[in-house]
Amino acid sequence: MSTHASALALAEPDEAPWRHLETFANDDSLSAVSGSRVGSYSISDKYALWDGHSLRWEWQAGDVLEFDHPFELRLNCLDSGIVYAPVFILNAYSEQANDGHLRIESAGCSFTYNINFTGWRSAQVRYYSDMEGEPELSGKGFRIHAPESGQGVLWLDGLLPNGQTYEANAEADFQQPYVADGINEHAGPGVYRARYDTSKLQLQITTPSAEELQAIENIDHWLEEHILTQNKKKKTLNS
């Protein structure tokens, strides 16, 4: 354990009451949000992960969103020796990819988050390993800075400045290539991104299209031919 991490308060093993997601169920949720430009953010039901609504942010270059969200950073040390380290959790939806990146400031630290994607993306960024700056043990809130040029729309949901993740399994991806020294996101024994509170997700399930069903069937045939059949042949040769 690093000297920085050892200075953090320890959390109880079970679910801690001091840790809660920033979600946007209704207009009352906006009381904790402020923006540098009037009218740039609102509650939306177009895309959401929790409670059927999210925060729609119509950003322009230089815009800033501020969130009133008091928090403390803690470690969760299990009897087995496993340590869950503090992370910032972010979920964002984008309809159009953008070459710019967000900059998130929290607890005296900051990190960048590329937005060259479409659909939902999640992030879990470790304070003591992945961010710039010296983490403070508590904060009154956090800020999200828009890219330095251009404009666009993002939907935000499930923001958490003091989440926790298993320190040994941090994974890099296209949004955060600097995490874990650039290790490929599928190279580790397990991908732990966006695992916090997923049992409460209220996803919108739609009927698959004919093209999607055909794609699933193609994958099934490929697995049968290249994986399952090959394994059966190896077992036969070794028997």
Protein backbone atom coordinates (compact mmCIF):
# COMPACT_ATOMS: atom_id res chain seq x y z
CA MET A 1 0.00 0.00 0.00
CA SER A 2 1.42 3.43 -0.89
CA THR A 3 2.02 6.10 1.76
CA HIS A 4 -0.66 8.22 0.09
CA ALA A 5 -3.29 5.49 0.23
CA SER A 6 -2.47 4.52 3.81
CA ALA A 7 -3.49 8.03 4.95
CA LEU A 8 -7.07 7.44 3.84
CA ALA A 9 -9.83 6.56 6.28
CA LEU A 10 -10.86 2.91 6.15
CA ALA A 11 -14.40 1.95 5.19
CA GLU A 12 -16.48 -0.86 6.59
CA PRO A 13 -16.61 -3.96 4.34
CA ASP A 14 -20.33 -3.67 3.65
CA GLU A 15 -22.08 -1.01 1.60
CA ALA A 16 -21.07 2.39 3.00
CA PRO A 17 -23.76 5.05 3.59
CA TRP A 18 -21.32 7.84 2.62
CA ARG A 19 -21.16 6.63 -0.98
CA HIS A 20 -24.08 7.45 -3.28
CA LEU A 21 -24.51 7.94 -7.02
CA GLU A 22 -25.43 11.29 -8.53
CA THR A 23 -28.50 10.46 -10.61
CA PHE A 24 -31.14 12.67 -12.18
CA ALA A 25 -34.64 11.33 -11.53
CA ASN A 26 -36.45 14.68 -11.90
CA ASP A 27 -36.01 18.45 -12.02
CA ASP A 28 -35.27 18.53 -8.29
CA SER A 29 -31.94 16.89 -9.13
CA LEU A 30 -30.85 20.13 -10.80
CA SER A 31 -30.56 21.83 -7.41
CA ALA A 32 -27.13 20.21 -7.05
CA VAL A 33 -25.97 21.31 -10.54
CA SER A 34 -24.79 24.68 -11.82
CA GLY A 35 -23.34 25.64 -15.18
CA SER A 36 -21.24 28.42 -16.64
CA ARG A 37 -23.86 28.99 -19.36
CA VAL A 38 -27.57 29.38 -18.63
CA GLY A 39 -29.82 26.79 -20.28
CA SER A 40 -27.02 24.42 -21.25
CA TYR A 41 -28.24 21.52 -19.08
CA SER A 42 -31.59 19.88 -18.32
CA ILE A 43 -33.23 16.63 -17.23
CA SER A 44 -33.85 14.23 -20.15
CA ASP A 45 -35.58 10.89 -20.60
CA LYS A 46 -34.03 10.18 -24.01
CA TYR A 47 -31.15 8.12 -22.59
CA ALA A 48 -30.78 6.93 -19.00
CA LEU A 49 -29.24 4.25 -16.80
CA TRP A 50 -31.06 5.02 -13.53
CA ASP A 51 -34.59 6.25 -12.77
CA GLY A 52 -35.46 6.70 -16.44
CA HIS A 53 -33.73 10.10 -16.69
CA SER A 54 -30.27 11.59 -17.11
CA LEU A 55 -28.61 15.00 -17.29
CA ARG A 56 -28.49 16.39 -20.83
CA TRP A 57 -25.57 18.78 -21.34
CA GLU A 58 -25.45 20.85 -24.52
CA TRP A 59 -21.85 21.97 -24.22
CA GLN A 60 -19.81 24.58 -26.02
CA ALA A 61 -16.06 25.17 -25.82
CA GLY A 62 -15.08 26.40 -22.36
CA ASP A 63 -18.33 25.40 -20.61
CA VAL A 64 -18.16 24.04 -17.07
CA LEU A 65 -20.63 21.97 -15.04
CA GLU A 66 -20.34 22.05 -11.25
CA PHE A 67 -21.90 19.51 -8.89
CA ASP A 68 -22.64 20.08 -5.22
CA HIS A 69 -21.79 16.61 -3.89
CA PRO A 70 -19.92 16.43 -0.54
CA PHE A 71 -17.81 13.28 -0.25
CA GLU A 72 -14.90 11.55 1.50
CA LEU A 73 -12.28 9.29 -0.04
CA ARG A 74 -11.83 5.96 1.74
CA LEU A 75 -10.25 2.56 1.34
CA ASN A 76 -12.09 -0.71 1.77
CA CYS A 77 -9.67 -3.29 3.22
CA LEU A 78 -11.05 -6.82 3.33
CA ASP A 79 -9.86 -9.53 5.72
CA SER A 80 -8.47 -11.38 2.69
CA GLY A 81 -6.01 -8.54 2.09
CA ILE A 82 -7.80 -7.21 -1.00
CA VAL A 83 -7.94 -3.41 -1.07
CA TYR A 84 -10.60 -1.42 -2.92
CA ALA A 85 -9.14 1.98 -3.83
CA PRO A 86 -11.05 5.27 -4.34
CA VAL A 87 -12.08 6.11 -7.90
CA PHE A 88 -14.18 8.67 -9.75
CA ILE A 89 -17.05 6.95 -11.61
CA LEU A 90 -18.55 8.52 -14.73
CA ASN A 91 -21.22 7.32 -17.18
CA ALA A 92 -21.77 9.29 -20.40
CA TYR A 93 -23.84 8.83 -23.57
CA SER A 94 -22.84 10.41 -26.89
CA GLU A 95 -24.78 10.40 -30.16
CA GLN A 96 -21.83 11.71 -32.20
CA ALA A 97 -18.14 11.08 -31.62
CA ASN A 98 -15.98 14.12 -30.88
CA ASP A 99 -12.19 14.45 -31.11
CA GLY A 100 -12.01 16.53 -27.93
CA HIS A 101 -11.98 15.43 -24.31
CA LEU A 102 -13.59 16.34 -21.01
CA ARG A 103 -11.53 17.36 -17.99
CA ILE A 104 -12.89 16.32 -14.61
CA GLU A 105 -11.70 17.99 -11.39
CA SER A 106 -12.35 16.33 -8.03
CA ALA A 107 -10.65 16.32 -4.59
CA GLY A 108 -7.73 18.42 -5.79
CA CYS A 109 -7.06 16.08 -8.75
CA SER A 110 -8.00 16.01 -12.42
CA PHE A 111 -8.15 13.61 -15.35
CA THR A 112 -9.15 13.74 -19.02
CA TYR A 113 -11.81 11.63 -20.69
CA ASN A 114 -11.92 11.23 -24.47
CA ILE A 115 -15.38 11.53 -26.06
CA ASN A 116 -14.63 9.97 -29.45
CA PHE A 117 -17.40 7.37 -29.05
CA THR A 118 -21.12 6.82 -29.53
CA GLY A 119 -23.51 5.17 -27.09
CA TRP A 120 -22.83 4.68 -23.39
CA ARG A 121 -19.31 4.63 -21.97
CA SER A 122 -18.26 4.24 -18.33
CA ALA A 123 -15.12 5.22 -16.46
CA GLN A 124 -13.52 4.34 -13.13
CA VAL A 125 -10.42 6.48 -12.65
CA ARG A 126 -8.20 5.90 -9.60
CA TYR A 127 -7.19 8.97 -7.58
CA TYR A 128 -3.76 7.71 -6.56
CA SER A 129 -2.71 5.99 -9.76
CA ASP A 130 -4.39 7.64 -12.76
CA MET A 131 -5.07 11.30 -11.93
CA GLU A 132 -2.92 14.40 -11.88
CA GLY A 133 -2.55 16.20 -8.55
CA GLU A 134 -2.44 15.29 -4.87
CA PRO A 135 -5.81 13.92 -3.66
CA GLU A 136 -7.56 15.60 -0.76
CA LEU A 137 -9.40 13.34 1.67
CA SER A 138 -12.75 15.08 1.15
CA GLY A 139 -14.46 17.48 -1.21
CA LYS A 140 -17.57 19.62 -1.51
CA GLY A 141 -18.20 18.65 -5.12
CA PHE A 142 -16.63 18.23 -8.53
CA ARG A 143 -16.45 19.99 -11.93
CA ILE A 144 -16.63 18.79 -15.53
CA HIS A 145 -14.97 20.98 -18.18
CA ALA A 146 -16.07 20.83 -21.83
CA PRO A 147 -13.51 20.39 -24.63
CA GLU A 148 -11.46 23.44 -25.57
CA SER A 149 -13.06 23.68 -29.01
CA GLY A 150 -16.26 22.66 -30.80
CA GLN A 151 -19.67 21.88 -29.39
CA GLY A 152 -21.90 18.87 -28.80
CA VAL A 153 -24.36 17.08 -26.52
CA LEU A 154 -23.67 14.54 -23.79
CA TRP A 155 -26.02 12.72 -21.43
CA LEU A 156 -24.56 12.08 -17.97
CA ASP A 157 -25.78 9.59 -15.37
CA GLY A 158 -24.48 7.70 -12.35
CA LEU A 159 -21.70 10.13 -11.32
CA LEU A 160 -19.80 9.17 -8.18
CA PRO A 161 -16.72 11.03 -6.91
CA ASN A 162 -15.85 8.46 -4.25
CA GLY A 163 -16.49 5.04 -5.71
CA GLN A 164 -14.17 2.10 -5.08
CA THR A 165 -12.50 -0.46 -7.32
CA TYR A 166 -10.26 -3.47 -6.89
CA GLU A 167 -6.79 -1.94 -7.21
CA ALA A 168 -5.24 -4.92 -8.99
CA ASN A 169 -7.67 -4.90 -11.91
CA ALA A 170 -7.64 -1.36 -13.27
CA GLU A 171 -8.05 -1.47 -17.06
CA ALA A 172 -7.17 0.98 -19.85
CA ASP A 173 -9.52 1.69 -22.74
CA PHE A 174 -9.86 4.11 -25.66
CA GLN A 175 -11.38 6.78 -23.41
CA GLN A 176 -8.56 6.53 -20.85
CA PRO A 177 -5.47 5.00 -22.47
CA TYR A 178 -3.23 6.17 -19.61
CA VAL A 179 -4.86 3.90 -17.00
CA ALA A 180 -2.70 0.94 -15.86
CA ASP A 181 0.16 2.03 -18.15
CA GLY A 182 -1.86 1.45 -21.31
CA ILE A 183 -2.73 -2.21 -20.77
CA ASN A 184 -5.42 -3.36 -23.21
CA GLU A 185 -8.86 -3.36 -21.61
CA HIS A 186 -9.41 -7.04 -22.46
CA ALA A 187 -5.96 -8.29 -21.46
CA GLY A 188 -6.58 -8.71 -17.73
CA PRO A 189 -8.35 -11.52 -15.90
CA GLY A 190 -11.50 -9.44 -15.60
CA VAL A 191 -12.84 -6.03 -16.53
CA TYR A 192 -14.14 -4.24 -13.44
CA ARG A 193 -15.34 -1.04 -15.07
CA ALA A 194 -18.86 0.14 -14.33
CA ARG A 195 -19.53 -2.62 -11.82
CA TYR A 196 -20.82 -0.33 -9.06
CA ASP A 197 -24.50 -0.81 -8.31
CA THR A 198 -25.30 -2.44 -11.66
CA SER A 199 -28.03 -4.50 -9.99
CA LYS A 200 -30.12 -1.31 -9.87
CA LEU A 201 -29.79 -0.51 -13.56
CA GLN A 202 -33.10 0.10 -15.31
CA LEU A 203 -32.09 -0.51 -18.90
CA GLN A 204 -34.50 -0.01 -21.78
CA ILE A 205 -34.80 -3.33 -23.62
CA THR A 206 -35.85 -3.14 -27.26
CA THR A 207 -36.71 -5.88 -29.76
CA PRO A 208 -33.62 -6.85 -31.80
CA SER A 209 -33.66 -6.13 -35.51
CA ALA A 210 -33.31 -8.79 -38.20
CA GLU A 211 -29.74 -7.59 -38.80
CA GLU A 212 -28.87 -7.97 -35.10
CA LEU A 213 -30.39 -11.45 -34.94
CA GLN A 214 -28.38 -12.49 -37.99
CA ALA A 215 -25.20 -11.13 -36.39
CA ILE A 216 -25.84 -13.18 -33.24
CA GLU A 217 -26.39 -16.29 -35.37
CA ASN A 218 -23.12 -15.66 -37.26
CA ILE A 219 -21.22 -15.38 -33.97
CA ASP A 220 -22.84 -18.58 -32.71
CA HIS A 221 -21.77 -20.47 -35.86
CA TRP A 222 -18.22 -19.09 -35.63
CA LEU A 223 -17.88 -20.16 -31.98
CA GLU A 224 -19.24 -23.61 -32.79
CA GLU A 225 -16.82 -24.09 -35.67
CA HIS A 226 -13.63 -22.50 -34.31
CA ILE A 227 -13.90 -22.99 -30.54
CA LEU A 228 -16.23 -25.79 -29.53
CA THR A 229 -15.38 -28.11 -32.42
CA GLN A 230 -11.62 -27.60 -31.92
CA ASN A 231 -11.92 -28.37 -28.19
CA LYS A 232 -13.80 -31.58 -28.95
CA LYS A 233 -11.06 -32.65 -31.38
CA LYS A 234 -8.33 -32.02 -28.78
CA LYS A 235 -10.17 -34.06 -26.16
CA THR A 236 -10.60 -36.93 -28.66
CA LEU A 237 -6.88 -36.93 -29.52
CA ASN A 238 -5.84 -36.86 -25.86
CA SER A 239 -8.21 -39.62 -24.76
